[in-house]
């Protein structure tokens, strides 16, 4: 029973794919034919000389245009190409109709297949536009002397760990800000990142990374900063994330992925 269901799903997937590919081929051929040469070559003989005209029928009237000898082969090639494409288009339309009938047995509306493809295309285009906007905004950010690693988005960050995190967020399409200001009581501090959820646009986290766990003074400063967060109502797992590494262990990418999933960011 399970195998039959799987075979049915595989068959349906192939039919949908064939329908979409055939539909797109028809679109491309139709566009190509719209710009192709029209008419047929007609030979006429005057005495011992042969001449050729390009004959076109428009609204029931015949129109002929003389073809010069040096243009003849190119025009002939274009006419033959158009005739070939017209035959190909008729065959594709017949095949598309057969696919439509097959899909009807699966109760699939072919319009849904095409609309889903178009919506995915629009979504990809939106994502590309948003990436370009992010890249331009990042390049316009003021850079400090301690910012030396350029991310895929185009901004500069302080450390290799921040570079890894920023590139991970960017490639996975996770919305983020680098170095955002956050008010903690009477103080304003700079967070490492502010990260948004792909699953719920209402979820945002400040992300602090302690990249030098083997540096006592650094750890103390990081601890005081985290204490300020907690004093002002920020809690890990609710609106705050903290990650840690030392010079030996390095940044664990799998751990970061787990954190993203646990916190419903990804």
Foldseek 3Di string as FASTA:
>chain_A
DVVVVVVVVVVLVVLLVLLVVLVVVLVVLVVVLVPADDADWDWDDDVPDIWIWGWDADPNDIDTDTDDPVCVVVVNVRVVVSVVSVVVSVVSVVVSVVSCVVVVVVVDDSVVSVVVVVVVVVVVVVLVVVLLVQLVVQCPDDDDPQFDDAEPSGHTHRDVQLNVVVNVCVVVVWDKDAQDWDDQDPDIGTAGMWTAAPQDRVAIAGEHEAEAPVDVVSVVVVVVVVVSCVVRPDDDLRHYYYYYDHPPPPDDVVVVVVSCVSSNRD
